[in-house]
Amino acid sequence: MIKFNINKVKNNWKVVMFSILGAATFWLFRALNEKHSAIISYPLEFVFNKDSTVVMNPLPKVIKIDVSSGGWNLFRRTLIFGVDPLKVELDNPSEVNFLTQSFLSPIVEDQLEGLTINYIVTDTLFLNIERKITKRMRLKVDSLSLSLEKDYQLISSIEIQPDHMMLIGPESIINSFETDFDITPDDNGIDEDFDSRVEVPIVFKDLIQSDPSEVNVSFEVDKFKNVKIGVPIVLQNFPTDRIPMLRDSIVNLTYRVNESIAEEYSVGDFRVVLDYDFLKTDSMGVPILMKYPDTLKQISMDIQKVRFIY
């Protein structure tokens, strides 16, 4: 009967493992001492005045280069140690749309010492950098855009403080704006006087800034209601021998007014006339509203023509 010595087997495996590890290490060191070629992705850093420009699209981060060098050098450049990026200086970045291999070659050769540059794999680097400009914008609120509660209306001018802003960003976008810039309170169903901070709505927030970013907006509102009042028709310029008899001597006027002052108007504040000089026929005329309070903006009559006989 064959007996296995477990400890002896374990020792043999350790010897085998150490042998393999030693051989692999020897092979690795020998390979690293030889010259190799490889395509490496090298980090890029673009150097330009970032305060006066806006990067419209992300800049290229790496460039691919076919290089030759000793294995240790390639290993150090690509795997173990952090490498300093290639610095590409741009004197007029807003005027440069792309960088070609011929432009990049001297930069690469100058900064990658210890490597033999076979060729640049990356064909072209595309850039989109614009000049940063500032434009003064006049702020306004469109009264029709206000979300007022039912039957509420604006009764004052809309005040904005400050009434302008400076828009800062890339030239192409800033120049696309008109001089007026609309802002609108987000509040819905406004049923009381408004006095609050309102954010200036900016699109492309990653590219554009506004100074200030919010302003104070204030205005007054009041609840309105429709009021109907009967006003007698006054005859005007009729000859004394041609006084007509009106079938409808009263005209109903409907006007819209603040609830708080609805009772301040009376029949005497209105005057509706039927003028003989404007009659079209001998039996029909158009009543004219000649007098009404200046504060009223919406007034309507229930009849457009009146019939009469002599």
Protein backbone atom coordinates (compact mmCIF):
# COMPACT_ATOMS: atom_id res chain seq x y z
CA MET A 1 0.00 0.00 0.00
CA ILE A 2 1.33 3.43 -1.16
CA LYS A 3 1.38 6.19 1.47
CA PHE A 4 1.40 9.88 0.56
CA ASN A 5 3.41 12.34 2.56
CA ILE A 6 1.17 15.42 2.61
CA ASN A 7 3.88 17.75 3.91
CA LYS A 8 6.27 16.62 1.17
CA VAL A 9 3.65 17.32 -1.54
CA LYS A 10 3.01 20.79 -0.13
CA ASN A 11 6.72 21.55 -0.10
CA ASN A 12 7.04 20.43 -3.71
CA TRP A 13 4.21 22.76 -4.76
CA LYS A 14 5.91 25.67 -3.02
CA VAL A 15 9.09 24.94 -4.94
CA VAL A 16 7.15 24.86 -8.23
CA MET A 17 5.37 28.13 -7.46
CA PHE A 18 8.55 29.94 -6.51
CA SER A 19 10.18 28.67 -9.66
CA ILE A 20 7.36 29.96 -11.84
CA LEU A 21 7.35 33.31 -10.03
CA GLY A 22 11.10 33.66 -10.39
CA ALA A 23 10.97 32.81 -14.09
CA ALA A 24 8.16 35.29 -14.68
CA THR A 25 10.03 38.01 -12.83
CA PHE A 26 13.20 37.32 -14.78
CA TRP A 27 11.25 37.42 -18.05
CA LEU A 28 9.52 40.68 -17.09
CA PHE A 29 12.74 42.46 -16.14
CA ARG A 30 14.43 41.24 -19.29
CA ALA A 31 11.50 42.44 -21.41
CA LEU A 32 11.47 45.83 -19.73
CA ASN A 33 15.12 46.32 -20.53
CA GLU A 34 14.44 45.90 -24.24
CA LYS A 35 13.14 48.57 -26.64
CA HIS A 36 9.41 48.50 -27.45
CA SER A 37 6.88 50.33 -29.56
CA ALA A 38 3.38 51.13 -28.33
CA ILE A 39 0.40 53.37 -28.92
CA ILE A 40 -0.20 55.39 -25.77
CA SER A 41 -2.99 57.78 -24.80
CA TYR A 42 -1.34 60.84 -23.32
CA PRO A 43 -3.25 63.46 -21.28
CA LEU A 44 -3.66 66.99 -22.64
CA GLU A 45 -3.91 70.36 -20.95
CA PHE A 46 -4.89 73.44 -22.95
CA VAL A 47 -3.40 76.69 -21.68
CA PHE A 48 -5.31 79.90 -22.47
CA ASN A 49 -7.07 82.82 -20.80
CA LYS A 50 -10.14 81.18 -19.30
CA ASP A 51 -11.49 84.43 -17.83
CA SER A 52 -12.14 85.96 -21.24
CA THR A 53 -13.40 82.85 -23.03
CA VAL A 54 -16.10 80.19 -22.79
CA VAL A 55 -15.56 76.53 -23.67
CA MET A 56 -18.65 75.55 -25.65
CA ASN A 57 -17.89 71.81 -25.89
CA PRO A 58 -15.63 69.66 -23.69
CA LEU A 59 -12.03 69.90 -24.80
CA PRO A 60 -10.13 66.77 -25.92
CA LYS A 61 -8.57 65.08 -22.90
CA VAL A 62 -6.01 62.77 -24.52
CA ILE A 63 -3.97 62.35 -27.67
CA LYS A 64 -2.91 58.98 -29.06
CA ILE A 65 0.74 58.67 -30.03
CA ASP A 66 2.80 55.82 -31.48
CA VAL A 67 6.11 55.86 -29.57
CA SER A 68 9.24 53.75 -29.11
CA SER A 69 11.34 53.52 -25.97
CA GLY A 70 12.75 51.18 -23.38
CA GLY A 71 10.20 49.07 -21.60
CA TRP A 72 10.90 50.69 -18.26
CA ASN A 73 10.27 54.15 -19.69
CA LEU A 74 7.04 53.09 -21.37
CA PHE A 75 5.94 51.37 -18.19
CA ARG A 76 6.62 54.49 -16.14
CA ARG A 77 4.86 56.75 -18.64
CA THR A 78 1.69 54.72 -18.88
CA LEU A 79 1.04 52.66 -15.78
CA ILE A 80 2.76 53.47 -12.54
CA PHE A 81 3.63 57.09 -12.07
CA GLY A 82 1.34 60.05 -12.66
CA VAL A 83 2.52 61.89 -15.74
CA ASP A 84 2.41 65.58 -16.46
CA PRO A 85 -0.02 66.30 -19.31
CA LEU A 86 1.09 67.76 -22.59
CA LYS A 87 0.54 71.51 -22.43
CA VAL A 88 -0.94 73.05 -25.57
CA GLU A 89 -0.85 76.85 -25.48
CA LEU A 90 -3.53 78.78 -27.38
CA ASP A 91 -2.87 82.48 -27.96
CA ASN A 92 -6.22 83.17 -29.66
CA PRO A 93 -8.44 80.27 -28.60
CA SER A 94 -11.67 81.74 -30.01
CA GLU A 95 -10.10 81.76 -33.48
CA VAL A 96 -8.91 78.14 -33.40
CA ASN A 97 -11.41 75.49 -34.48
CA PHE A 98 -9.05 72.53 -34.79
CA LEU A 99 -5.44 71.43 -34.30
CA THR A 100 -3.74 69.26 -36.90
CA GLN A 101 -0.98 66.69 -36.59
CA SER A 102 1.52 69.14 -38.06
CA PHE A 103 0.68 71.65 -35.31
CA LEU A 104 0.86 69.04 -32.54
CA SER A 105 4.04 67.26 -33.64
CA PRO A 106 6.60 69.81 -32.38
CA ILE A 107 4.71 70.18 -29.09
CA VAL A 108 4.72 66.42 -28.54
CA GLU A 109 8.39 65.99 -29.47
CA ASP A 110 9.47 68.89 -27.27
CA GLN A 111 7.62 67.74 -24.15
CA LEU A 112 7.96 63.94 -24.33
CA GLU A 113 11.66 63.59 -23.70
CA GLY A 114 13.00 60.05 -23.59
CA LEU A 115 10.42 58.78 -26.05
CA THR A 116 10.88 58.35 -29.77
CA ILE A 117 7.80 59.74 -31.51
CA ASN A 118 7.00 57.52 -34.47
CA TYR A 119 3.81 59.35 -35.45
CA ILE A 120 0.71 60.94 -33.96
CA VAL A 121 -2.25 58.59 -34.25
CA THR A 122 -4.88 61.23 -33.51
CA ASP A 123 -5.64 62.95 -36.77
CA THR A 124 -7.28 66.22 -35.64
CA LEU A 125 -8.33 67.80 -32.35
CA PHE A 126 -11.51 69.85 -32.64
CA LEU A 127 -12.07 72.88 -30.38
CA ASN A 128 -15.07 75.11 -29.77
CA ILE A 129 -14.06 78.09 -27.67
CA GLU A 130 -15.80 81.48 -27.90
CA ARG A 131 -14.97 84.95 -26.72
CA LYS A 132 -16.81 85.95 -23.55
CA ILE A 133 -18.79 89.19 -23.82
CA THR A 134 -21.14 91.23 -21.62
CA LYS A 135 -24.43 92.83 -22.72
CA ARG A 136 -26.75 95.15 -20.81
CA MET A 137 -30.35 93.91 -20.89
CA ARG A 138 -33.52 95.82 -19.97
CA LEU A 139 -35.82 93.71 -17.81
CA LYS A 140 -39.59 93.69 -18.25
CA VAL A 141 -42.64 91.69 -17.18
CA ASP A 142 -45.39 90.98 -19.69
CA SER A 143 -48.63 91.67 -17.80
CA LEU A 144 -50.40 89.02 -19.89
CA SER A 145 -48.02 86.39 -18.54
CA LEU A 146 -49.04 86.98 -14.92
CA SER A 147 -51.04 84.15 -13.37
CA LEU A 148 -53.80 86.05 -11.57
CA GLU A 149 -56.69 84.54 -9.65
CA LYS A 150 -60.05 84.61 -11.43
CA ASP A 151 -61.61 88.11 -11.58
CA TYR A 152 -58.36 89.77 -10.45
CA GLN A 153 -56.67 92.41 -12.59
CA LEU A 154 -53.54 94.51 -12.50
CA ILE A 155 -54.25 98.04 -11.16
CA SER A 156 -50.72 99.49 -11.12
CA SER A 157 -47.57 99.59 -13.20
CA ILE A 158 -45.08 96.76 -12.71
CA GLU A 159 -41.94 97.89 -10.90
CA ILE A 160 -38.65 96.01 -11.31
CA GLN A 161 -35.61 96.78 -9.17
CA PRO A 162 -33.06 96.85 -10.62
CA ASP A 163 -34.66 97.26 -14.04
CA HIS A 164 -31.66 95.91 -15.96
CA MET A 165 -29.05 93.18 -15.78
CA MET A 166 -25.72 92.28 -17.33
CA LEU A 167 -25.75 89.06 -19.37
CA ILE A 168 -22.34 87.37 -19.55
CA GLY A 169 -21.44 84.48 -21.82
CA PRO A 170 -20.28 83.30 -25.25
CA GLU A 171 -20.50 85.85 -28.04
CA SER A 172 -22.77 83.87 -30.37
CA ILE A 173 -25.44 83.28 -27.71
CA ILE A 174 -25.33 86.71 -26.07
CA ASN A 175 -25.67 88.50 -29.41
CA SER A 176 -28.77 86.41 -30.21
CA PHE A 177 -30.71 88.17 -27.40
CA GLU A 178 -32.65 91.38 -27.96
CA THR A 179 -32.12 94.31 -25.61
CA ASP A 180 -35.34 93.47 -23.69
CA PHE A 181 -35.41 90.41 -21.45
CA ASP A 182 -38.69 88.98 -20.11
CA ILE A 183 -39.07 87.71 -16.57
CA THR A 184 -42.21 86.21 -15.05
CA PRO A 185 -43.08 85.43 -11.40
CA ASP A 186 -43.62 81.72 -10.84
CA ASP A 187 -46.54 82.35 -8.46
CA ASN A 188 -49.90 81.02 -9.61
CA GLY A 189 -53.31 82.43 -8.72
CA ILE A 190 -52.07 85.81 -7.46
CA ASP A 191 -54.88 87.46 -5.44
CA GLU A 192 -53.02 90.14 -3.48
CA ASP A 193 -50.43 92.83 -4.08
CA PHE A 194 -47.13 91.29 -5.17
CA ASP A 195 -43.70 92.29 -3.85
CA SER A 196 -41.10 89.55 -4.07
CA ARG A 197 -37.77 88.42 -5.49
CA VAL A 198 -37.99 86.82 -8.93
CA GLU A 199 -35.25 84.73 -10.49
CA VAL A 200 -33.92 85.83 -13.88
CA PRO A 201 -34.61 82.79 -16.10
CA ILE A 202 -31.39 81.82 -17.85
CA VAL A 203 -31.03 79.04 -20.40
CA PHE A 204 -27.63 77.39 -20.92
CA LYS A 205 -26.78 78.02 -17.26
CA ASP A 206 -23.49 76.20 -17.72
CA LEU A 207 -22.49 78.82 -20.31
CA ILE A 208 -24.31 82.03 -19.33
CA GLN A 209 -24.41 84.15 -16.18
CA SER A 210 -26.64 87.05 -15.23
CA ASP A 211 -25.78 89.85 -12.84
CA PRO A 212 -27.92 90.08 -10.79
CA SER A 213 -29.41 86.58 -10.82
CA GLU A 214 -32.70 87.79 -9.29
CA VAL A 215 -34.57 91.09 -9.00
CA ASN A 216 -37.46 92.51 -7.01
CA VAL A 217 -40.84 92.70 -8.76
CA SER A 218 -43.83 94.55 -7.33
CA PHE A 219 -47.33 95.42 -8.54
CA GLU A 220 -50.87 95.84 -7.22
CA VAL A 221 -53.95 93.80 -8.05
CA ASP A 222 -57.61 94.02 -7.14
CA LYS A 223 -60.71 91.92 -7.61
CA PHE A 224 -63.10 93.10 -10.33
CA LYS A 225 -66.75 92.45 -11.02
CA ASN A 226 -69.23 93.28 -13.76
CA VAL A 227 -71.80 95.96 -12.90
CA LYS A 228 -74.91 96.70 -14.98
CA ILE A 229 -76.55 100.11 -14.89
CA GLY A 230 -79.53 101.53 -16.82
CA VAL A 231 -78.84 104.92 -18.42
CA PRO A 232 -81.58 106.99 -20.12
CA ILE A 233 -81.01 107.99 -23.74
CA VAL A 234 -80.71 111.75 -24.23
CA LEU A 235 -82.00 113.25 -27.51
CA GLN A 236 -79.62 115.70 -29.12
CA ASN A 237 -79.99 118.15 -32.06
CA PHE A 238 -83.55 117.05 -32.88
CA PRO A 239 -85.81 119.79 -34.36
CA THR A 240 -88.56 120.88 -32.02
CA ASP A 241 -91.14 119.66 -34.48
CA ARG A 242 -89.56 116.23 -34.86
CA ILE A 243 -89.26 114.85 -31.37
CA PRO A 244 -89.23 111.03 -31.63
CA MET A 245 -90.76 108.46 -29.37
CA LEU A 246 -88.17 105.82 -28.45
CA ARG A 247 -89.18 102.21 -28.18
CA ASP A 248 -86.26 101.72 -25.79
CA SER A 249 -85.48 104.83 -23.78
CA ILE A 250 -83.04 103.10 -21.44
CA VAL A 251 -79.72 101.55 -22.42
CA ASN A 252 -78.12 99.01 -20.13
CA LEU A 253 -74.38 99.57 -19.74
CA THR A 254 -72.14 96.86 -18.34
CA TYR A 255 -68.78 97.86 -16.96
CA ARG A 256 -66.03 96.11 -15.07
CA VAL A 257 -64.81 97.73 -11.89
CA ASN A 258 -62.89 97.09 -8.68
CA GLU A 259 -65.13 95.53 -6.09
CA SER A 260 -63.92 98.04 -3.51
CA ILE A 261 -65.25 101.06 -5.46
CA ALA A 262 -68.21 99.51 -7.28
CA GLU A 263 -70.74 101.73 -5.50
CA GLU A 264 -69.00 105.02 -6.32
CA TYR A 265 -70.55 105.34 -9.80
CA SER A 266 -74.10 106.50 -10.47
CA VAL A 267 -76.32 107.11 -13.50
CA GLY A 268 -75.15 110.74 -13.56
CA ASP A 269 -71.61 109.61 -14.33
CA PHE A 270 -72.75 108.33 -17.75
CA ARG A 271 -74.37 110.00 -20.75
CA VAL A 272 -75.82 108.19 -23.78
CA VAL A 273 -77.17 110.31 -26.63
CA LEU A 274 -79.13 109.79 -29.82
CA ASP A 275 -77.95 112.55 -32.17
CA TYR A 276 -80.26 113.70 -34.97
CA ASP A 277 -77.26 114.67 -37.12
CA PHE A 278 -76.10 111.03 -37.17
CA LEU A 279 -79.36 109.31 -38.01
CA LYS A 280 -79.25 106.95 -40.96
CA THR A 281 -83.01 106.51 -41.34
CA ASP A 282 -86.19 108.06 -39.94
CA SER A 283 -86.86 105.07 -37.73
CA MET A 284 -83.54 103.86 -36.38
CA GLY A 285 -80.43 105.37 -34.81
CA VAL A 286 -77.22 104.38 -33.07
CA PRO A 287 -76.84 105.51 -29.44
CA ILE A 288 -73.47 106.98 -28.56
CA LEU A 289 -71.77 106.78 -25.17
CA MET A 290 -70.58 110.35 -24.71
CA LYS A 291 -69.60 110.39 -21.07
CA TYR A 292 -68.23 107.85 -18.62
CA PRO A 293 -65.64 107.81 -15.80
CA ASP A 294 -62.07 107.86 -17.10
CA THR A 295 -61.10 105.04 -14.75
CA LEU A 296 -63.37 102.58 -16.56
CA LYS A 297 -61.76 100.67 -19.41
CA GLN A 298 -64.30 98.00 -20.28
CA ILE A 299 -67.82 99.25 -21.06
CA SER A 300 -70.44 97.68 -23.31
CA MET A 301 -74.05 98.53 -24.27
CA ASP A 302 -76.75 95.90 -24.50
CA ILE A 303 -78.21 97.39 -27.69
CA GLN A 304 -76.41 98.77 -30.72
CA LYS A 305 -79.41 100.48 -32.38
CA VAL A 306 -82.67 102.00 -31.13
CA ARG A 307 -85.97 102.25 -33.01
CA PHE A 308 -88.26 105.25 -32.77
CA ILE A 309 -91.28 106.87 -34.37
CA TYR A 310 -92.31 110.49 -34.71
